[in-house]
Amino acid sequence: MPRVYISSVIEAPAAKVWERVRDFNGLPRWHPRIRDSRIENGEPADRVGCVRDFHLQNGDRIREKLLGLSDFDMFCTYAILESPMPLTDYVATLRLTPITDGDRTFVEWSAEFDCAEADAQGLVTGIGNDVFQSGFDALKRQMMG
């Protein structure tokens, strides 16, 4: 089972970063690769079990289900329901941890999934760089402003 893990440090307080990423429907507001997003059936974006339906900038459509959300532990876990990527059983977690030295934030984004062995390395690299790291880079720029 391939695993993706990317971590970084954002020069902003964890509460401020969490405020930005907590909204399960809020990807277009902070992630540059996301064009639009909506929560199906009008459910609240913080209700475990809600489904977000979004489009990437290239038009690809992805549906994801919120599996867990904790304001206390500052994490959200979700699963991909539909995606153009050749993978199954994708579960990811975005987690924030306060760094008390300098009031910064340690951010981690990880995922595990199943796929054909021939696709594994490309998916790990693509998700790690194009989704997770590009999201962190965008957050860093936004938190500086």
C-alpha atoms as a PDB file:
ATOM      1  CA  MET A   1       0.000   0.000   0.000  1.00  0.00           C
ATOM      2  CA  PRO A   2       1.708   3.226  -1.123  1.00  0.00           C
ATOM      3  CA  ARG A   3       2.000   6.027   1.399  1.00  0.00           C
ATOM      4  CA  VAL A   4       2.548   9.740   0.872  1.00  0.00           C
ATOM      5  CA  TYR A   5       3.897  11.913   3.677  1.00  0.00           C
ATOM      6  CA  ILE A   6       4.762  15.608   3.413  1.00  0.00           C
ATOM      7  CA  SER A   7       5.515  17.935   6.323  1.00  0.00           C
ATOM      8  CA  SER A   8       6.458  21.567   6.641  1.00  0.00           C
ATOM      9  CA  VAL A   9       6.572  24.535   8.985  1.00  0.00           C
ATOM     10  CA  ILE A  10       4.351  27.574   8.522  1.00  0.00           C
ATOM     11  CA  GLU A  11       5.418  30.844  10.137  1.00  0.00           C
ATOM     12  CA  ALA A  12       2.019  31.534  11.716  1.00  0.00           C
ATOM     13  CA  PRO A  13       0.155  30.421  14.853  1.00  0.00           C
ATOM     14  CA  ALA A  14      -1.560  27.028  14.538  1.00  0.00           C
ATOM     15  CA  ALA A  15      -4.961  28.510  15.411  1.00  0.00           C
ATOM     16  CA  LYS A  16      -4.681  30.937  12.488  1.00  0.00           C
ATOM     17  CA  VAL A  17      -3.650  28.190  10.035  1.00  0.00           C
ATOM     18  CA  TRP A  18      -6.423  25.904  11.324  1.00  0.00           C
ATOM     19  CA  GLU A  19      -8.945  28.688  10.782  1.00  0.00           C
ATOM     20  CA  ARG A  20      -7.943  28.643   7.092  1.00  0.00           C
ATOM     21  CA  VAL A  21      -7.866  24.861   6.474  1.00  0.00           C
ATOM     22  CA  ARG A  22     -10.631  23.643   8.799  1.00  0.00           C
ATOM     23  CA  ASP A  23     -13.491  24.246   6.351  1.00  0.00           C
ATOM     24  CA  PHE A  24     -13.879  20.984   4.397  1.00  0.00           C
ATOM     25  CA  ASN A  25     -15.483  23.022   1.613  1.00  0.00           C
ATOM     26  CA  GLY A  26     -12.828  25.747   1.699  1.00  0.00           C
ATOM     27  CA  LEU A  27     -10.105  24.297  -0.543  1.00  0.00           C
ATOM     28  CA  PRO A  28     -10.607  26.877  -3.320  1.00  0.00           C
ATOM     29  CA  ARG A  29      -9.835  29.652  -0.816  1.00  0.00           C
ATOM     30  CA  TRP A  30      -6.341  28.374  -0.074  1.00  0.00           C
ATOM     31  CA  HIS A  31      -5.257  25.609  -2.476  1.00  0.00           C
ATOM     32  CA  PRO A  32      -4.167  26.902  -5.915  1.00  0.00           C
ATOM     33  CA  ARG A  33      -5.048  23.672  -7.762  1.00  0.00           C
ATOM     34  CA  ILE A  34      -8.733  23.718  -6.718  1.00  0.00           C
ATOM     35  CA  ARG A  35     -11.211  25.634  -8.895  1.00  0.00           C
ATOM     36  CA  ASP A  36     -14.485  25.167  -6.993  1.00  0.00           C
ATOM     37  CA  SER A  37     -16.076  23.032  -4.290  1.00  0.00           C
ATOM     38  CA  ARG A  38     -19.498  22.304  -2.866  1.00  0.00           C
ATOM     39  CA  ILE A  39     -20.836  20.110  -0.094  1.00  0.00           C
ATOM     40  CA  GLU A  40     -23.480  17.704  -1.356  1.00  0.00           C
ATOM     41  CA  ASN A  41     -27.043  17.771   0.001  1.00  0.00           C
ATOM     42  CA  GLY A  42     -26.512  21.124   1.736  1.00  0.00           C
ATOM     43  CA  GLU A  43     -24.859  19.507   4.751  1.00  0.00           C
ATOM     44  CA  PRO A  44     -22.591  21.508   7.066  1.00  0.00           C
ATOM     45  CA  ALA A  45     -18.949  21.377   5.942  1.00  0.00           C
ATOM     46  CA  ASP A  46     -17.836  20.230   9.396  1.00  0.00           C
ATOM     47  CA  ARG A  47     -20.227  17.285   9.705  1.00  0.00           C
ATOM     48  CA  VAL A  48     -18.390  13.965   9.648  1.00  0.00           C
ATOM     49  CA  GLY A  49     -19.806  12.033   6.725  1.00  0.00           C
ATOM     50  CA  CYS A  50     -20.405  15.043   4.472  1.00  0.00           C
ATOM     51  CA  VAL A  51     -19.180  14.777   0.880  1.00  0.00           C
ATOM     52  CA  ARG A  52     -17.355  17.514  -1.007  1.00  0.00           C
ATOM     53  CA  ASP A  53     -17.539  17.580  -4.776  1.00  0.00           C
ATOM     54  CA  PHE A  54     -14.839  19.734  -6.337  1.00  0.00           C
ATOM     55  CA  HIS A  55     -13.008  20.450  -9.560  1.00  0.00           C
ATOM     56  CA  LEU A  56      -9.314  20.927 -10.108  1.00  0.00           C
ATOM     57  CA  GLN A  57      -8.123  23.838 -12.235  1.00  0.00           C
ATOM     58  CA  ASN A  58      -7.783  21.396 -15.168  1.00  0.00           C
ATOM     59  CA  GLY A  59     -11.462  20.443 -14.854  1.00  0.00           C
ATOM     60  CA  ASP A  60     -10.984  17.007 -13.248  1.00  0.00           C
ATOM     61  CA  ARG A  61     -13.713  16.189 -10.722  1.00  0.00           C
ATOM     62  CA  ILE A  62     -13.072  14.604  -7.315  1.00  0.00           C
ATOM     63  CA  ARG A  63     -15.498  13.602  -4.582  1.00  0.00           C
ATOM     64  CA  GLU A  64     -14.273  13.132  -1.010  1.00  0.00           C
ATOM     65  CA  LYS A  65     -15.950  12.146   2.244  1.00  0.00           C
ATOM     66  CA  LEU A  66     -15.042  13.686   5.602  1.00  0.00           C
ATOM     67  CA  LEU A  67     -14.145  10.831   7.964  1.00  0.00           C
ATOM     68  CA  GLY A  68     -12.894  12.800  10.960  1.00  0.00           C
ATOM     69  CA  LEU A  69     -12.473  16.393  12.130  1.00  0.00           C
ATOM     70  CA  SER A  70     -11.100  17.632  15.442  1.00  0.00           C
ATOM     71  CA  ASP A  71     -10.748  21.256  16.473  1.00  0.00           C
ATOM     72  CA  PHE A  72      -8.945  20.153  19.636  1.00  0.00           C
ATOM     73  CA  ASP A  73      -6.332  18.052  17.812  1.00  0.00           C
ATOM     74  CA  MET A  74      -6.455  20.182  14.623  1.00  0.00           C
ATOM     75  CA  PHE A  75      -6.800  17.449  12.028  1.00  0.00           C
ATOM     76  CA  CYS A  76      -9.158  16.303   9.325  1.00  0.00           C
ATOM     77  CA  THR A  77      -9.269  12.871   7.713  1.00  0.00           C
ATOM     78  CA  TYR A  78     -11.027  12.166   4.448  1.00  0.00           C
ATOM     79  CA  ALA A  79     -11.444   9.486   1.795  1.00  0.00           C
ATOM     80  CA  ILE A  80     -11.645   9.811  -1.973  1.00  0.00           C
ATOM     81  CA  LEU A  81     -14.929   8.451  -3.334  1.00  0.00           C
ATOM     82  CA  GLU A  82     -14.390   9.355  -7.008  1.00  0.00           C
ATOM     83  CA  SER A  83     -11.280  10.538  -8.818  1.00  0.00           C
ATOM     84  CA  PRO A  84      -9.634  10.331 -12.235  1.00  0.00           C
ATOM     85  CA  MET A  85      -6.508   8.983 -10.521  1.00  0.00           C
ATOM     86  CA  PRO A  86      -5.937   5.219 -10.891  1.00  0.00           C
ATOM     87  CA  LEU A  87      -6.230   4.416  -7.180  1.00  0.00           C
ATOM     88  CA  THR A  88      -8.656   2.992  -4.621  1.00  0.00           C
ATOM     89  CA  ASP A  89      -9.092   3.055  -0.851  1.00  0.00           C
ATOM     90  CA  TYR A  90      -7.459   6.487  -0.557  1.00  0.00           C
ATOM     91  CA  VAL A  91      -7.528   7.921   2.963  1.00  0.00           C
ATOM     92  CA  ALA A  92      -5.647  11.095   3.899  1.00  0.00           C
ATOM     93  CA  THR A  93      -5.119  13.207   6.999  1.00  0.00           C
ATOM     94  CA  LEU A  94      -4.112  16.854   7.263  1.00  0.00           C
ATOM     95  CA  ARG A  95      -2.792  17.605  10.763  1.00  0.00           C
ATOM     96  CA  LEU A  96      -1.502  20.788  12.424  1.00  0.00           C
ATOM     97  CA  THR A  97       0.661  20.892  15.534  1.00  0.00           C
ATOM     98  CA  PRO A  98       1.567  24.112  17.356  1.00  0.00           C
ATOM     99  CA  ILE A  99       5.281  24.885  17.606  1.00  0.00           C
ATOM    100  CA  THR A 100       5.571  26.934  20.777  1.00  0.00           C
ATOM    101  CA  ASP A 101       9.061  28.171  19.877  1.00  0.00           C
ATOM    102  CA  GLY A 102       8.193  31.166  17.717  1.00  0.00           C
ATOM    103  CA  ASP A 103       4.420  30.509  17.614  1.00  0.00           C
ATOM    104  CA  ARG A 104       4.680  28.570  14.341  1.00  0.00           C
ATOM    105  CA  THR A 105       2.827  25.548  12.958  1.00  0.00           C
ATOM    106  CA  PHE A 106       4.097  22.095  12.041  1.00  0.00           C
ATOM    107  CA  VAL A 107       1.872  20.770   9.252  1.00  0.00           C
ATOM    108  CA  GLU A 108       1.638  17.169   8.072  1.00  0.00           C
ATOM    109  CA  TRP A 109      -0.374  15.716   5.207  1.00  0.00           C
ATOM    110  CA  SER A 110      -0.348  11.993   4.666  1.00  0.00           C
ATOM    111  CA  ALA A 111      -2.265   9.488   2.581  1.00  0.00           C
ATOM    112  CA  GLU A 112      -2.434   5.775   1.938  1.00  0.00           C
ATOM    113  CA  PHE A 113      -4.114   4.078  -1.014  1.00  0.00           C
ATOM    114  CA  ASP A 114      -4.125   1.027  -3.231  1.00  0.00           C
ATOM    115  CA  CYS A 115      -3.126   1.063  -6.889  1.00  0.00           C
ATOM    116  CA  ALA A 116      -1.365  -0.956  -9.543  1.00  0.00           C
ATOM    117  CA  GLU A 117       2.322  -1.340  -8.747  1.00  0.00           C
ATOM    118  CA  ALA A 118       3.237   0.384 -12.021  1.00  0.00           C
ATOM    119  CA  ASP A 119       1.292   3.520 -10.963  1.00  0.00           C
ATOM    120  CA  ALA A 120       2.521   3.721  -7.366  1.00  0.00           C
ATOM    121  CA  GLN A 121       5.629   5.905  -7.690  1.00  0.00           C
ATOM    122  CA  GLY A 122       3.989   8.397 -10.038  1.00  0.00           C
ATOM    123  CA  LEU A 123       0.980   8.758  -7.740  1.00  0.00           C
ATOM    124  CA  VAL A 124       3.116   9.151  -4.602  1.00  0.00           C
ATOM    125  CA  THR A 125       5.248  11.817  -6.285  1.00  0.00           C
ATOM    126  CA  GLY A 126       2.310  13.616  -7.888  1.00  0.00           C
ATOM    127  CA  ILE A 127       0.154  13.698  -4.763  1.00  0.00           C
ATOM    128  CA  GLY A 128       3.123  14.676  -2.602  1.00  0.00           C
ATOM    129  CA  ASN A 129       4.302  17.519  -4.836  1.00  0.00           C
ATOM    130  CA  ASP A 130       1.204  18.717  -6.697  1.00  0.00           C
ATOM    131  CA  VAL A 131      -1.350  18.384  -3.896  1.00  0.00           C
ATOM    132  CA  PHE A 132       0.278  18.354  -0.482  1.00  0.00           C
ATOM    133  CA  GLN A 133       3.422  20.481  -0.988  1.00  0.00           C
ATOM    134  CA  SER A 134       1.717  22.976  -3.303  1.00  0.00           C
ATOM    135  CA  GLY A 135      -1.001  23.385  -0.660  1.00  0.00           C
ATOM    136  CA  PHE A 136       1.582  24.040   2.047  1.00  0.00           C
ATOM    137  CA  ASP A 137       3.442  26.502  -0.180  1.00  0.00           C
ATOM    138  CA  ALA A 138       0.187  28.404  -0.811  1.00  0.00           C
ATOM    139  CA  LEU A 139      -0.609  28.477   2.917  1.00  0.00           C
ATOM    140  CA  LYS A 140       2.851  29.859   3.673  1.00  0.00           C
ATOM    141  CA  ARG A 141       2.333  32.690   1.168  1.00  0.00           C
ATOM    142  CA  GLN A 142      -1.160  33.444   2.505  1.00  0.00           C
ATOM    143  CA  MET A 143      -0.111  33.431   6.160  1.00  0.00           C
ATOM    144  CA  MET A 144       2.707  35.905   5.448  1.00  0.00           C
ATOM    145  CA  GLY A 145       0.256  38.466   4.044  1.00  0.00           C
END
